[in-house]
Amino acid sequence: MPLIPEVPLPQVLEKVDSHRLIGLVCEAEKLAKIRSHRLDSLGLTQETSYTDLEKIYQELEYSKKIFKKIWCLYY
């Protein structure tokens, strides 16, 4: 499940053994390209925060913070 800063974490995460959780992180530039291609394939405009590199860096930092908080390994 994606971690979105504006959306609360699912409560189920509190009940799962942290040894069963794995977080995946990729490079911000690679994620921006993936998102850009996704928008192209859907015929949507590129002018959105969805592909903004600074916003993506913030999202990745948020994810790492959450992974540490719930004792989740991430790669």
N, C-alpha and C. Protein backbone atom coordinates (compact mmCIF):
# COMPACT_ATOMS: atom_id res chain seq x y z
N MET A 1 0.84 -1.17 0.00
CA MET A 1 0.00 0.00 0.00
C MET A 1 0.89 1.23 0.00
N PRO A 2 0.55 2.22 -0.77
CA PRO A 2 1.36 3.44 -0.78
C PRO A 2 1.14 4.25 0.50
N LEU A 3 2.19 4.93 0.91
CA LEU A 3 2.08 5.83 2.05
C LEU A 3 1.91 7.24 1.52
N ILE A 4 0.84 7.89 1.92
CA ILE A 4 0.53 9.23 1.45
C ILE A 4 0.47 10.14 2.66
N PRO A 5 1.31 11.20 2.69
CA PRO A 5 1.36 12.07 3.87
C PRO A 5 0.01 12.61 4.32
N GLU A 6 -0.89 12.88 3.42
CA GLU A 6 -2.18 13.47 3.76
C GLU A 6 -3.21 12.45 4.23
N VAL A 7 -2.86 11.16 4.17
CA VAL A 7 -3.80 10.10 4.52
C VAL A 7 -3.28 9.35 5.75
N PRO A 8 -4.13 9.18 6.78
CA PRO A 8 -3.68 8.46 7.97
C PRO A 8 -3.27 7.02 7.63
N LEU A 9 -2.35 6.48 8.42
CA LEU A 9 -1.93 5.09 8.22
C LEU A 9 -3.07 4.15 8.55
N PRO A 10 -3.17 3.05 7.82
CA PRO A 10 -4.20 2.06 8.15
C PRO A 10 -3.96 1.49 9.55
N GLN A 11 -4.99 1.34 10.33
CA GLN A 11 -4.86 0.84 11.69
C GLN A 11 -4.34 -0.59 11.74
N VAL A 12 -4.53 -1.32 10.67
CA VAL A 12 -4.07 -2.71 10.64
C VAL A 12 -2.56 -2.80 10.83
N LEU A 13 -1.82 -1.76 10.45
CA LEU A 13 -0.37 -1.79 10.61
C LEU A 13 0.04 -1.92 12.07
N GLU A 14 -0.78 -1.42 12.97
CA GLU A 14 -0.47 -1.50 14.40
C GLU A 14 -0.56 -2.94 14.91
N LYS A 15 -1.31 -3.77 14.21
CA LYS A 15 -1.54 -5.15 14.65
C LYS A 15 -0.59 -6.16 14.00
N VAL A 16 0.13 -5.73 12.98
CA VAL A 16 1.00 -6.63 12.24
C VAL A 16 2.38 -6.66 12.90
N ASP A 17 2.93 -7.87 13.04
CA ASP A 17 4.28 -8.03 13.56
C ASP A 17 5.26 -7.30 12.63
N SER A 18 6.08 -6.43 13.19
CA SER A 18 6.99 -5.62 12.36
C SER A 18 7.97 -6.49 11.57
N HIS A 19 8.20 -7.71 12.00
CA HIS A 19 9.08 -8.61 11.25
C HIS A 19 8.44 -9.08 9.94
N ARG A 20 7.17 -8.83 9.80
CA ARG A 20 6.45 -9.22 8.58
C ARG A 20 6.26 -8.05 7.61
N LEU A 21 6.77 -6.89 7.98
CA LEU A 21 6.61 -5.70 7.15
C LEU A 21 7.90 -5.38 6.42
N ILE A 22 7.79 -5.04 5.16
CA ILE A 22 8.93 -4.60 4.37
C ILE A 22 8.50 -3.37 3.58
N GLY A 23 9.30 -2.33 3.67
CA GLY A 23 9.02 -1.11 2.92
C GLY A 23 9.91 -1.03 1.69
N LEU A 24 9.38 -0.58 0.61
CA LEU A 24 10.15 -0.43 -0.63
C LEU A 24 10.27 1.05 -0.97
N VAL A 25 11.48 1.46 -1.27
CA VAL A 25 11.76 2.85 -1.62
C VAL A 25 12.59 2.84 -2.90
N CYS A 26 12.33 3.78 -3.77
CA CYS A 26 13.16 3.89 -4.98
C CYS A 26 13.71 5.31 -5.07
N GLU A 27 14.55 5.52 -6.04
CA GLU A 27 15.13 6.85 -6.24
C GLU A 27 14.04 7.81 -6.71
N ALA A 28 14.11 9.02 -6.23
CA ALA A 28 13.08 10.02 -6.56
C ALA A 28 12.98 10.26 -8.07
N GLU A 29 14.12 10.33 -8.74
CA GLU A 29 14.11 10.57 -10.18
C GLU A 29 13.42 9.44 -10.94
N LYS A 30 13.68 8.21 -10.49
CA LYS A 30 13.05 7.06 -11.14
C LYS A 30 11.54 7.07 -10.91
N LEU A 31 11.12 7.40 -9.70
CA LEU A 31 9.69 7.47 -9.39
C LEU A 31 9.02 8.58 -10.21
N ALA A 32 9.70 9.70 -10.38
CA ALA A 32 9.15 10.79 -11.19
C ALA A 32 8.92 10.33 -12.63
N LYS A 33 9.87 9.56 -13.18
CA LYS A 33 9.73 9.05 -14.55
C LYS A 33 8.55 8.07 -14.65
N ILE A 34 8.45 7.19 -13.67
CA ILE A 34 7.35 6.22 -13.66
C ILE A 34 6.01 6.95 -13.63
N ARG A 35 5.92 7.94 -12.77
CA ARG A 35 4.67 8.71 -12.65
C ARG A 35 4.38 9.49 -13.92
N SER A 36 5.41 10.04 -14.53
CA SER A 36 5.22 10.79 -15.77
C SER A 36 4.69 9.88 -16.88
N HIS A 37 5.28 8.70 -17.00
CA HIS A 37 4.81 7.72 -18.01
C HIS A 37 3.38 7.29 -17.72
N ARG A 38 3.06 7.13 -16.43
CA ARG A 38 1.69 6.75 -16.05
C ARG A 38 0.70 7.81 -16.51
N LEU A 39 1.03 9.08 -16.26
CA LEU A 39 0.14 10.17 -16.68
C LEU A 39 0.00 10.20 -18.20
N ASP A 40 1.13 10.01 -18.91
CA ASP A 40 1.08 9.97 -20.37
C ASP A 40 0.15 8.87 -20.86
N SER A 41 0.26 7.69 -20.27
CA SER A 41 -0.55 6.56 -20.72
C SER A 41 -2.04 6.79 -20.45
N LEU A 42 -2.33 7.61 -19.44
CA LEU A 42 -3.73 7.92 -19.13
C LEU A 42 -4.23 9.16 -19.87
N GLY A 43 -3.32 9.81 -20.61
CA GLY A 43 -3.69 11.01 -21.36
C GLY A 43 -3.92 12.21 -20.47
N LEU A 44 -3.25 12.24 -19.31
CA LEU A 44 -3.43 13.34 -18.36
C LEU A 44 -2.28 14.33 -18.45
N THR A 45 -2.52 15.53 -17.98
CA THR A 45 -1.51 16.58 -18.02
C THR A 45 -0.36 16.28 -17.06
N GLN A 46 0.81 16.76 -17.40
CA GLN A 46 2.00 16.56 -16.58
C GLN A 46 2.13 17.63 -15.49
N GLU A 47 1.35 18.67 -15.57
CA GLU A 47 1.46 19.78 -14.63
C GLU A 47 0.70 19.48 -13.35
N THR A 48 1.34 18.70 -12.48
CA THR A 48 0.73 18.28 -11.23
C THR A 48 1.83 18.01 -10.21
N SER A 49 1.50 18.06 -8.93
CA SER A 49 2.49 17.77 -7.90
C SER A 49 2.85 16.28 -7.89
N TYR A 50 2.05 15.47 -8.55
CA TYR A 50 2.28 14.03 -8.62
C TYR A 50 3.65 13.70 -9.20
N THR A 51 4.14 14.51 -10.12
CA THR A 51 5.44 14.28 -10.74
C THR A 51 6.50 15.29 -10.29
N ASP A 52 6.14 16.18 -9.38
CA ASP A 52 7.08 17.20 -8.90
C ASP A 52 8.18 16.55 -8.07
N LEU A 53 9.42 16.72 -8.47
CA LEU A 53 10.54 16.05 -7.84
C LEU A 53 10.69 16.43 -6.37
N GLU A 54 10.51 17.68 -6.03
CA GLU A 54 10.60 18.10 -4.62
C GLU A 54 9.52 17.42 -3.78
N LYS A 55 8.34 17.34 -4.30
CA LYS A 55 7.23 16.66 -3.59
C LYS A 55 7.54 15.17 -3.41
N ILE A 56 8.13 14.57 -4.43
CA ILE A 56 8.48 13.16 -4.35
C ILE A 56 9.55 12.93 -3.28
N TYR A 57 10.54 13.82 -3.22
CA TYR A 57 11.55 13.72 -2.15
C TYR A 57 10.88 13.78 -0.78
N GLN A 58 9.92 14.66 -0.62
CA GLN A 58 9.19 14.78 0.65
C GLN A 58 8.42 13.49 0.96
N GLU A 59 7.78 12.92 -0.05
CA GLU A 59 7.03 11.68 0.13
C GLU A 59 7.96 10.54 0.56
N LEU A 60 9.12 10.46 -0.06
CA LEU A 60 10.06 9.40 0.28
C LEU A 60 10.60 9.56 1.70
N GLU A 61 10.88 10.79 2.10
CA GLU A 61 11.33 11.04 3.47
C GLU A 61 10.23 10.68 4.47
N TYR A 62 9.00 11.02 4.14
CA TYR A 62 7.86 10.66 4.98
C TYR A 62 7.77 9.13 5.13
N SER A 63 7.92 8.42 4.02
CA SER A 63 7.86 6.96 4.05
C SER A 63 8.94 6.38 4.95
N LYS A 64 10.16 6.88 4.81
CA LYS A 64 11.26 6.38 5.64
C LYS A 64 11.00 6.66 7.12
N LYS A 65 10.44 7.81 7.40
CA LYS A 65 10.10 8.16 8.79
C LYS A 65 9.08 7.18 9.36
N ILE A 66 8.07 6.86 8.57
CA ILE A 66 7.04 5.91 9.00
C ILE A 66 7.64 4.52 9.17
N PHE A 67 8.48 4.10 8.23
CA PHE A 67 9.11 2.79 8.34
C PHE A 67 9.89 2.66 9.65
N LYS A 68 10.61 3.70 10.00
CA LYS A 68 11.38 3.68 11.25
C LYS A 68 10.43 3.66 12.46
N LYS A 69 9.36 4.40 12.37
CA LYS A 69 8.39 4.48 13.48
C LYS A 69 7.76 3.12 13.78
N ILE A 70 7.45 2.37 12.74
CA ILE A 70 6.79 1.07 12.93
C ILE A 70 7.80 -0.08 12.88
N TRP A 71 9.07 0.24 12.95
CA TRP A 71 10.14 -0.78 12.97
C TRP A 71 10.11 -1.67 11.74
N CYS A 72 9.91 -1.08 10.61
CA CYS A 72 9.81 -1.83 9.35
C CYS A 72 11.11 -1.69 8.59
N LEU A 73 11.65 -2.81 8.12
CA LEU A 73 12.83 -2.75 7.26
C LEU A 73 12.43 -2.14 5.93
N TYR A 74 13.33 -1.38 5.34
CA TYR A 74 13.04 -0.86 4.00
C TYR A 74 14.27 -0.93 3.13
N TYR A 75 14.01 -1.07 1.84
CA TYR A 75 15.07 -1.20 0.83
C TYR A 75 14.83 -0.22 -0.27
